[in-house]
């Protein structure tokens, strides 16, 4: 059986820990990495509880807290971000999840990621080589109402001029990388650069500790399928920089989760031409939205994508907090 680490999943509550572990078993992942959400005050506790319940099965990318966000109140002291990072490491976090550069979060927070506010966090993370799972921007078509898919618009992911633009957000991200070229980063959803492999390659060539995950954003698979030969060459050339992920979340049925994992695996492993299956969750859109053409990657490349890259970047096993 193929060894798989799913580097990008979500858990909404402590009550669903057992369900997420059952999903993990159903889809055949040996381990999963839970990505926490900065706007949800229960996100970190749920993830750490999952790790406590299944210490060999779950990694935790913990979220930061912000006084400007909705996960704190006026009477609560929110520590500086570098202090938060130290505490999360003490708790046994394997990395940090940044969602603060998703357009709706970026607008709500009102603080640029390349501002002085975030600088102490990035300085310490770079010094420690501490991994960051980073969601930056969204598909560029989400800024065009004529191109935004209905399922995305229904989620509130259609952006007008009151939101930072795609180019502005990616520009802020690149400013951070230029200041901290040794940051260890996995950019979620291929950094929404699946339509521009030249820019993706340039980023990899400049920053040796940057990787992308494959969590759909189903547009990722559609874009890469438009020229599957070129995409295959890219995946082989940069095999050490790509991490398997699904964006599975605990509110899915096991079958829906299997559809998510299955389309990514089929895309990687076969030369099939296929569509999103019936019964997939709504965030993958309707099956008629587009064709996916598989890359039929070599076994050595698949091994790197499925588990060895993640273990190299994040660790061979989830970190267990030391008793004090």
Foldseek 3Di string as FASTA:
>chain_A
DFAFEAEEAEEDALVLLVLVVVLCVLLVYQAYEYAFDQQDLRRVVSQLSSCVVVVFHYAYAAEAYDPLHNNDDPVDDRDQLLVVVVVVVLSQHLHHEAPCQAFVNVLSSVDQCLDPSNVSVLVVQLVVLREYAYEHYAAQCLQPVVRDDPLCVVVVSRDYPSTDHSVVRVVSVVSSCVVRLRHQYEYECLSNCLLPVVVSVVNCVRRVRYAYENADPLVSQQNCQVCLVVSLVSCVVPLLRYAYHHHHYSVDHSVLSSLRNVVVCCQEAHQDKAFRDPPHDPVNPDRVPHIGGHNNHDPVSVSSHRPPSCCVSRNPGRGHNDDD
